[in-house]
């Protein structure tokens, strides 16, 4: 009896200590997103999840212009303190853009009710707790 209780407790502890991987978190976030934003959530059918890739991109969420404007300011400035301030802003901007991306292929009904095969690239924040942007490949 004691042995059974011990083994049950041990197995519960092992299960409780296992944290989901970033890949698992990404899949959950994607499924939640699709069920929330699909034209017909009931028609959503996951086909394939790509690998989770880490990235650091200045245009990951569409604000690459901000980084390049800072770069132009840096080029025009001759004051070393001003250049240092600009570099700190650029570093912070890049740090804030760190995250992950995953390509997802799925089938779902479009606005006309026809079931179509689609691919999207999902961009996640570094903490893997939200989706920042969803884009079609090539955008």
C-alpha atoms as a PDB file:
ATOM      1  CA  UNK A   1       0.000   0.000   0.000  1.00  0.00           C
ATOM      2  CA  UNK A   2       2.770   2.407   0.957  1.00  0.00           C
ATOM      3  CA  UNK A   3       4.650   1.498  -2.175  1.00  0.00           C
ATOM      4  CA  UNK A   4       1.599   2.204  -4.350  1.00  0.00           C
ATOM      5  CA  UNK A   5       1.071   5.606  -2.729  1.00  0.00           C
ATOM      6  CA  UNK A   6       4.780   6.389  -3.120  1.00  0.00           C
ATOM      7  CA  UNK A   7       4.778   5.456  -6.810  1.00  0.00           C
ATOM      8  CA  UNK A   8       1.581   7.408  -7.458  1.00  0.00           C
ATOM      9  CA  UNK A   9       2.996  10.474  -5.728  1.00  0.00           C
ATOM     10  CA  UNK A  10       6.278  10.154  -7.611  1.00  0.00           C
ATOM     11  CA  UNK A  11       4.540   9.900 -10.976  1.00  0.00           C
ATOM     12  CA  UNK A  12       2.317  12.907 -10.170  1.00  0.00           C
ATOM     13  CA  UNK A  13       5.385  14.958  -9.272  1.00  0.00           C
ATOM     14  CA  UNK A  14       7.099  13.995 -12.507  1.00  0.00           C
ATOM     15  CA  UNK A  15       4.067  14.988 -14.563  1.00  0.00           C
ATOM     16  CA  UNK A  16       3.596  18.233 -12.646  1.00  0.00           C
ATOM     17  CA  UNK A  17       7.226  19.270 -13.171  1.00  0.00           C
ATOM     18  CA  UNK A  18       7.165  18.837 -16.938  1.00  0.00           C
ATOM     19  CA  UNK A  19       6.729  22.227 -18.589  1.00  0.00           C
ATOM     20  CA  UNK A  20       5.454  22.475 -22.139  1.00  0.00           C
ATOM     21  CA  UNK A  21       8.123  23.189 -24.725  1.00  0.00           C
ATOM     22  CA  UNK A  22       8.096  26.407 -26.737  1.00  0.00           C
ATOM     23  CA  UNK A  23       6.970  24.363 -29.723  1.00  0.00           C
ATOM     24  CA  UNK A  24       3.977  23.058 -27.751  1.00  0.00           C
ATOM     25  CA  UNK A  25       3.167  26.602 -26.603  1.00  0.00           C
ATOM     26  CA  UNK A  26       3.302  27.819 -30.216  1.00  0.00           C
ATOM     27  CA  UNK A  27       0.904  25.115 -31.380  1.00  0.00           C
ATOM     28  CA  UNK A  28      -1.561  25.970 -28.617  1.00  0.00           C
ATOM     29  CA  UNK A  29      -1.376  29.694 -29.442  1.00  0.00           C
ATOM     30  CA  UNK A  30      -1.920  28.986 -33.147  1.00  0.00           C
ATOM     31  CA  UNK A  31      -4.929  26.758 -32.490  1.00  0.00           C
ATOM     32  CA  UNK A  32      -6.451  29.365 -30.151  1.00  0.00           C
ATOM     33  CA  UNK A  33      -5.841  32.063 -32.769  1.00  0.00           C
ATOM     34  CA  UNK A  34      -7.452  30.007 -35.516  1.00  0.00           C
ATOM     35  CA  UNK A  35     -10.491  29.180 -33.405  1.00  0.00           C
ATOM     36  CA  UNK A  36     -10.894  32.867 -32.589  1.00  0.00           C
ATOM     37  CA  UNK A  37     -10.273  34.432 -36.023  1.00  0.00           C
ATOM     38  CA  UNK A  38     -11.168  31.814 -38.658  1.00  0.00           C
ATOM     39  CA  UNK A  39     -14.199  32.518 -40.842  1.00  0.00           C
ATOM     40  CA  UNK A  40     -15.657  29.190 -39.741  1.00  0.00           C
ATOM     41  CA  UNK A  41     -13.771  27.934 -36.660  1.00  0.00           C
ATOM     42  CA  UNK A  42     -15.533  24.564 -36.785  1.00  0.00           C
ATOM     43  CA  UNK A  43     -14.035  23.901 -40.227  1.00  0.00           C
ATOM     44  CA  UNK A  44     -10.437  24.487 -39.066  1.00  0.00           C
ATOM     45  CA  UNK A  45      -8.225  21.451 -39.620  1.00  0.00           C
ATOM     46  CA  UNK A  46      -4.508  21.572 -38.778  1.00  0.00           C
ATOM     47  CA  UNK A  47      -2.423  19.915 -41.496  1.00  0.00           C
ATOM     48  CA  UNK A  48       1.183  20.676 -40.586  1.00  0.00           C
ATOM     49  CA  UNK A  49       3.197  22.718 -38.118  1.00  0.00           C
ATOM     50  CA  UNK A  50       6.673  23.750 -39.231  1.00  0.00           C
ATOM     51  CA  UNK A  51       9.632  23.919 -36.915  1.00  0.00           C
ATOM     52  CA  UNK A  52       9.810  26.740 -34.391  1.00  0.00           C
ATOM     53  CA  UNK A  53      12.578  29.112 -35.450  1.00  0.00           C
ATOM     54  CA  UNK A  54      14.069  31.809 -33.256  1.00  0.00           C
ATOM     55  CA  UNK A  55      14.604  35.136 -34.899  1.00  0.00           C
ATOM     56  CA  UNK A  56      15.614  38.690 -34.366  1.00  0.00           C
ATOM     57  CA  UNK A  57      14.135  40.892 -37.004  1.00  0.00           C
ATOM     58  CA  UNK A  58      13.815  44.656 -37.135  1.00  0.00           C
ATOM     59  CA  UNK A  59      10.721  44.392 -39.291  1.00  0.00           C
ATOM     60  CA  UNK A  60       9.143  41.446 -37.485  1.00  0.00           C
ATOM     61  CA  UNK A  61       6.136  43.498 -36.477  1.00  0.00           C
ATOM     62  CA  UNK A  62       6.237  46.103 -39.192  1.00  0.00           C
ATOM     63  CA  UNK A  63       8.380  48.773 -37.505  1.00  0.00           C
ATOM     64  CA  UNK A  64      11.576  48.385 -39.493  1.00  0.00           C
ATOM     65  CA  UNK A  65      11.269  52.030 -40.576  1.00  0.00           C
ATOM     66  CA  UNK A  66      11.810  53.135 -36.980  1.00  0.00           C
ATOM     67  CA  UNK A  67      15.152  51.317 -36.870  1.00  0.00           C
ATOM     68  CA  UNK A  68      16.276  52.743 -40.209  1.00  0.00           C
ATOM     69  CA  UNK A  69      15.267  56.285 -39.146  1.00  0.00           C
ATOM     70  CA  UNK A  70      17.513  55.873 -36.111  1.00  0.00           C
ATOM     71  CA  UNK A  71      20.289  54.661 -38.428  1.00  0.00           C
ATOM     72  CA  UNK A  72      19.911  57.820 -40.534  1.00  0.00           C
ATOM     73  CA  UNK A  73      20.087  59.982 -37.397  1.00  0.00           C
ATOM     74  CA  UNK A  74      23.215  58.107 -36.370  1.00  0.00           C
ATOM     75  CA  UNK A  75      24.857  58.726 -39.747  1.00  0.00           C
ATOM     76  CA  UNK A  76      24.105  62.453 -39.651  1.00  0.00           C
ATOM     77  CA  UNK A  77      25.224  63.002 -36.071  1.00  0.00           C
ATOM     78  CA  UNK A  78      28.805  63.869 -35.172  1.00  0.00           C
ATOM     79  CA  UNK A  79      28.193  64.146 -31.430  1.00  0.00           C
ATOM     80  CA  UNK A  80      29.426  61.003 -29.679  1.00  0.00           C
ATOM     81  CA  UNK A  81      26.849  61.253 -26.869  1.00  0.00           C
ATOM     82  CA  UNK A  82      24.050  61.542 -29.408  1.00  0.00           C
ATOM     83  CA  UNK A  83      25.399  58.533 -31.322  1.00  0.00           C
ATOM     84  CA  UNK A  84      25.559  56.539 -28.087  1.00  0.00           C
ATOM     85  CA  UNK A  85      21.935  57.442 -27.273  1.00  0.00           C
ATOM     86  CA  UNK A  86      20.855  56.345 -30.773  1.00  0.00           C
ATOM     87  CA  UNK A  87      22.735  53.052 -30.486  1.00  0.00           C
ATOM     88  CA  UNK A  88      21.034  52.331 -27.154  1.00  0.00           C
ATOM     89  CA  UNK A  89      17.628  52.973 -28.776  1.00  0.00           C
ATOM     90  CA  UNK A  90      18.502  50.664 -31.677  1.00  0.00           C
ATOM     91  CA  UNK A  91      19.657  47.928 -29.316  1.00  0.00           C
ATOM     92  CA  UNK A  92      16.435  48.191 -27.298  1.00  0.00           C
ATOM     93  CA  UNK A  93      14.385  48.120 -30.492  1.00  0.00           C
ATOM     94  CA  UNK A  94      16.119  44.935 -31.654  1.00  0.00           C
ATOM     95  CA  UNK A  95      15.823  43.344 -28.221  1.00  0.00           C
ATOM     96  CA  UNK A  96      12.081  44.014 -28.222  1.00  0.00           C
ATOM     97  CA  UNK A  97      11.824  42.298 -31.611  1.00  0.00           C
ATOM     98  CA  UNK A  98      13.312  39.001 -30.516  1.00  0.00           C
ATOM     99  CA  UNK A  99      10.958  36.106 -30.781  1.00  0.00           C
ATOM    100  CA  UNK A 100      10.013  33.041 -32.731  1.00  0.00           C
ATOM    101  CA  UNK A 101       8.221  32.105 -35.916  1.00  0.00           C
ATOM    102  CA  UNK A 102       6.410  29.017 -37.101  1.00  0.00           C
ATOM    103  CA  UNK A 103       4.807  28.193 -40.437  1.00  0.00           C
ATOM    104  CA  UNK A 104       1.421  26.521 -40.197  1.00  0.00           C
ATOM    105  CA  UNK A 105      -0.518  24.779 -42.961  1.00  0.00           C
ATOM    106  CA  UNK A 106      -4.227  24.235 -42.413  1.00  0.00           C
ATOM    107  CA  UNK A 107      -7.590  23.796 -44.082  1.00  0.00           C
ATOM    108  CA  UNK A 108     -10.553  25.981 -43.231  1.00  0.00           C
ATOM    109  CA  UNK A 109     -13.606  27.447 -44.884  1.00  0.00           C
ATOM    110  CA  UNK A 110     -13.149  30.874 -46.427  1.00  0.00           C
ATOM    111  CA  UNK A 111     -15.750  33.664 -46.377  1.00  0.00           C
ATOM    112  CA  UNK A 112     -17.655  31.949 -49.203  1.00  0.00           C
ATOM    113  CA  UNK A 113     -17.826  28.634 -47.364  1.00  0.00           C
ATOM    114  CA  UNK A 114     -15.325  26.835 -49.609  1.00  0.00           C
ATOM    115  CA  UNK A 115     -12.713  24.810 -47.757  1.00  0.00           C
ATOM    116  CA  UNK A 116      -9.244  26.024 -48.784  1.00  0.00           C
ATOM    117  CA  UNK A 117      -5.677  25.036 -47.972  1.00  0.00           C
ATOM    118  CA  UNK A 118      -3.661  27.912 -46.495  1.00  0.00           C
ATOM    119  CA  UNK A 119      -0.201  28.653 -45.131  1.00  0.00           C
ATOM    120  CA  UNK A 120       0.559  31.339 -42.572  1.00  0.00           C
ATOM    121  CA  UNK A 121       3.676  32.418 -40.721  1.00  0.00           C
ATOM    122  CA  UNK A 122       3.001  33.120 -37.058  1.00  0.00           C
ATOM    123  CA  UNK A 123       5.375  35.424 -35.165  1.00  0.00           C
ATOM    124  CA  UNK A 124       5.565  35.029 -31.368  1.00  0.00           C
ATOM    125  CA  UNK A 125       7.082  37.205 -28.674  1.00  0.00           C
ATOM    126  CA  UNK A 126      10.167  35.980 -26.807  1.00  0.00           C
ATOM    127  CA  UNK A 127       8.071  34.868 -23.824  1.00  0.00           C
ATOM    128  CA  UNK A 128       5.965  32.612 -26.065  1.00  0.00           C
ATOM    129  CA  UNK A 129       2.757  33.941 -24.553  1.00  0.00           C
ATOM    130  CA  UNK A 130       1.282  35.823 -27.508  1.00  0.00           C
ATOM    131  CA  UNK A 131       1.171  36.028 -31.275  1.00  0.00           C
ATOM    132  CA  UNK A 132       2.515  39.331 -32.561  1.00  0.00           C
ATOM    133  CA  UNK A 133       1.770  39.081 -36.283  1.00  0.00           C
ATOM    134  CA  UNK A 134       0.375  36.595 -38.777  1.00  0.00           C
ATOM    135  CA  UNK A 135       1.540  36.873 -42.389  1.00  0.00           C
ATOM    136  CA  UNK A 136       1.240  34.942 -45.603  1.00  0.00           C
ATOM    137  CA  UNK A 137       4.562  33.592 -46.901  1.00  0.00           C
ATOM    138  CA  UNK A 138       6.139  36.156 -49.222  1.00  0.00           C
ATOM    139  CA  UNK A 139       4.548  39.206 -47.598  1.00  0.00           C
END
